[in-house]
Amino acid sequence: MRHAIRTPLTDTIGLAEVLLQHKISLAESAKFLTIINDGHHLPTLLSDILDISKIENQKLELESIHFNLPSLRRLNKFTFLMAKKSNLILRW
């Protein structure tokens, strides 16, 4: 994400975190927590929007990454076993 977007967003989140440390009402605290939580999700959303724009303009470049498929399968199996042990259901 570009610095023009990231820097003000980081500043806003930081300011909300500082203000949250002061004596404030419960309602104000909830508002600052919303700013912080939503601010952490915003970069992903903006990146997705930029990716869609690149796809539409046929300028998206795919990255080739080498990975170990058997290792990934073992990790997947382990994750499902741990979820089952914890009475969780994973859906893909």
C-alpha atoms as a PDB file:
ATOM      1  CA  MET A   1       0.000   0.000   0.000  1.00  0.00           C
ATOM      2  CA  ARG A   2       1.207   3.479  -0.773  1.00  0.00           C
ATOM      3  CA  HIS A   3       2.705   5.694   1.930  1.00  0.00           C
ATOM      4  CA  ALA A   4       0.128   8.384   1.103  1.00  0.00           C
ATOM      5  CA  ILE A   5      -2.536   6.084   2.563  1.00  0.00           C
ATOM      6  CA  ARG A   6      -0.551   4.051   5.099  1.00  0.00           C
ATOM      7  CA  THR A   7       1.050   6.949   7.005  1.00  0.00           C
ATOM      8  CA  PRO A   8      -2.156   8.845   7.887  1.00  0.00           C
ATOM      9  CA  LEU A   9      -3.861   5.558   8.739  1.00  0.00           C
ATOM     10  CA  THR A  10      -1.032   4.575  11.088  1.00  0.00           C
ATOM     11  CA  ASP A  11      -1.149   8.028  12.677  1.00  0.00           C
ATOM     12  CA  THR A  12      -4.901   7.759  13.215  1.00  0.00           C
ATOM     13  CA  ILE A  13      -4.622   4.320  14.804  1.00  0.00           C
ATOM     14  CA  GLY A  14      -1.757   5.505  17.021  1.00  0.00           C
ATOM     15  CA  LEU A  15      -3.688   8.571  18.163  1.00  0.00           C
ATOM     16  CA  ALA A  16      -6.742   6.442  18.983  1.00  0.00           C
ATOM     17  CA  GLU A  17      -4.521   4.079  21.012  1.00  0.00           C
ATOM     18  CA  VAL A  18      -3.045   7.016  22.965  1.00  0.00           C
ATOM     19  CA  LEU A  19      -6.471   8.533  23.624  1.00  0.00           C
ATOM     20  CA  LEU A  20      -7.742   5.142  24.777  1.00  0.00           C
ATOM     21  CA  GLN A  21      -5.210   5.253  27.635  1.00  0.00           C
ATOM     22  CA  HIS A  22      -6.799   8.400  29.116  1.00  0.00           C
ATOM     23  CA  LYS A  23      -9.773   8.513  31.431  1.00  0.00           C
ATOM     24  CA  ILE A  24     -12.672   8.470  28.994  1.00  0.00           C
ATOM     25  CA  SER A  25     -16.265   7.301  29.039  1.00  0.00           C
ATOM     26  CA  LEU A  26     -17.271   3.817  27.992  1.00  0.00           C
ATOM     27  CA  ALA A  27     -18.916   5.200  24.853  1.00  0.00           C
ATOM     28  CA  GLU A  28     -15.741   7.065  23.863  1.00  0.00           C
ATOM     29  CA  SER A  29     -13.682   3.967  24.571  1.00  0.00           C
ATOM     30  CA  ALA A  30     -15.908   1.921  22.264  1.00  0.00           C
ATOM     31  CA  LYS A  31     -15.490   4.501  19.493  1.00  0.00           C
ATOM     32  CA  PHE A  32     -11.695   4.473  19.799  1.00  0.00           C
ATOM     33  CA  LEU A  33     -11.663   0.658  19.758  1.00  0.00           C
ATOM     34  CA  THR A  34     -13.738   0.751  16.574  1.00  0.00           C
ATOM     35  CA  ILE A  35     -11.224   3.132  14.991  1.00  0.00           C
ATOM     36  CA  ILE A  36      -8.340   0.858  16.000  1.00  0.00           C
ATOM     37  CA  ASN A  37      -9.973  -2.418  14.890  1.00  0.00           C
ATOM     38  CA  ASP A  38     -11.304  -1.071  11.612  1.00  0.00           C
ATOM     39  CA  GLY A  39      -8.015   0.711  10.964  1.00  0.00           C
ATOM     40  CA  HIS A  40      -6.167  -2.607  11.141  1.00  0.00           C
ATOM     41  CA  HIS A  41      -8.523  -4.145   8.540  1.00  0.00           C
ATOM     42  CA  LEU A  42      -8.515  -1.196   6.159  1.00  0.00           C
ATOM     43  CA  PRO A  43      -5.079  -1.871   4.561  1.00  0.00           C
ATOM     44  CA  THR A  44      -6.193  -5.347   3.480  1.00  0.00           C
ATOM     45  CA  LEU A  45      -9.391  -3.967   2.018  1.00  0.00           C
ATOM     46  CA  LEU A  46      -7.536  -1.245   0.132  1.00  0.00           C
ATOM     47  CA  SER A  47      -4.999  -3.754  -1.198  1.00  0.00           C
ATOM     48  CA  ASP A  48      -7.839  -5.951  -2.448  1.00  0.00           C
ATOM     49  CA  ILE A  49      -9.448  -2.989  -4.197  1.00  0.00           C
ATOM     50  CA  LEU A  50      -6.137  -2.083  -5.822  1.00  0.00           C
ATOM     51  CA  ASP A  51      -5.691  -5.709  -6.940  1.00  0.00           C
ATOM     52  CA  ILE A  52      -9.157  -5.704  -8.528  1.00  0.00           C
ATOM     53  CA  SER A  53      -8.228  -2.526 -10.362  1.00  0.00           C
ATOM     54  CA  LYS A  54      -5.027  -4.179 -11.615  1.00  0.00           C
ATOM     55  CA  ILE A  55      -6.999  -7.220 -12.784  1.00  0.00           C
ATOM     56  CA  GLU A  56      -9.478  -5.036 -14.646  1.00  0.00           C
ATOM     57  CA  ASN A  57      -6.627  -3.158 -16.334  1.00  0.00           C
ATOM     58  CA  GLN A  58      -4.781  -6.438 -17.069  1.00  0.00           C
ATOM     59  CA  LYS A  59      -1.758  -5.275 -15.074  1.00  0.00           C
ATOM     60  CA  LEU A  60      -1.776  -7.795 -12.237  1.00  0.00           C
ATOM     61  CA  GLU A  61       1.461  -9.760 -12.055  1.00  0.00           C
ATOM     62  CA  LEU A  62       1.321 -13.213 -10.527  1.00  0.00           C
ATOM     63  CA  GLU A  63       4.150 -14.392  -8.348  1.00  0.00           C
ATOM     64  CA  SER A  64       5.531 -17.907  -8.617  1.00  0.00           C
ATOM     65  CA  ILE A  65       6.435 -19.361  -5.220  1.00  0.00           C
ATOM     66  CA  HIS A  66       8.017 -22.743  -4.598  1.00  0.00           C
ATOM     67  CA  PHE A  67       6.547 -24.687  -1.711  1.00  0.00           C
ATOM     68  CA  ASN A  68       6.608 -28.197  -0.325  1.00  0.00           C
ATOM     69  CA  LEU A  69       3.211 -29.770  -1.083  1.00  0.00           C
ATOM     70  CA  PRO A  70       3.649 -32.824   1.208  1.00  0.00           C
ATOM     71  CA  SER A  71       4.542 -30.494   4.077  1.00  0.00           C
ATOM     72  CA  LEU A  72       1.474 -28.365   3.366  1.00  0.00           C
ATOM     73  CA  ARG A  73      -0.724 -31.470   3.365  1.00  0.00           C
ATOM     74  CA  ARG A  74       0.718 -32.571   6.729  1.00  0.00           C
ATOM     75  CA  LEU A  75       0.048 -29.118   8.167  1.00  0.00           C
ATOM     76  CA  ASN A  76      -3.504 -29.218   6.840  1.00  0.00           C
ATOM     77  CA  LYS A  77      -4.092 -32.657   8.363  1.00  0.00           C
ATOM     78  CA  PHE A  78      -2.600 -31.509  11.681  1.00  0.00           C
ATOM     79  CA  THR A  79      -4.849 -28.434  11.691  1.00  0.00           C
ATOM     80  CA  PHE A  80      -7.950 -30.558  11.158  1.00  0.00           C
ATOM     81  CA  LEU A  81      -6.901 -33.020  13.865  1.00  0.00           C
ATOM     82  CA  MET A  82      -6.322 -30.215  16.374  1.00  0.00           C
ATOM     83  CA  ALA A  83      -9.660 -28.648  15.465  1.00  0.00           C
ATOM     84  CA  LYS A  84     -11.444 -31.976  15.920  1.00  0.00           C
ATOM     85  CA  LYS A  85      -9.718 -32.477  19.277  1.00  0.00           C
ATOM     86  CA  SER A  86     -11.014 -29.049  20.328  1.00  0.00           C
ATOM     87  CA  ASN A  87     -14.532 -29.830  19.026  1.00  0.00           C
ATOM     88  CA  LEU A  88     -14.192 -27.249  16.246  1.00  0.00           C
ATOM     89  CA  ILE A  89     -15.408 -27.636  12.685  1.00  0.00           C
ATOM     90  CA  LEU A  90     -13.258 -26.156   9.934  1.00  0.00           C
ATOM     91  CA  ARG A  91     -14.930 -25.272   6.669  1.00  0.00           C
ATOM     92  CA  TRP A  92     -13.129 -24.188   3.523  1.00  0.00           C
END
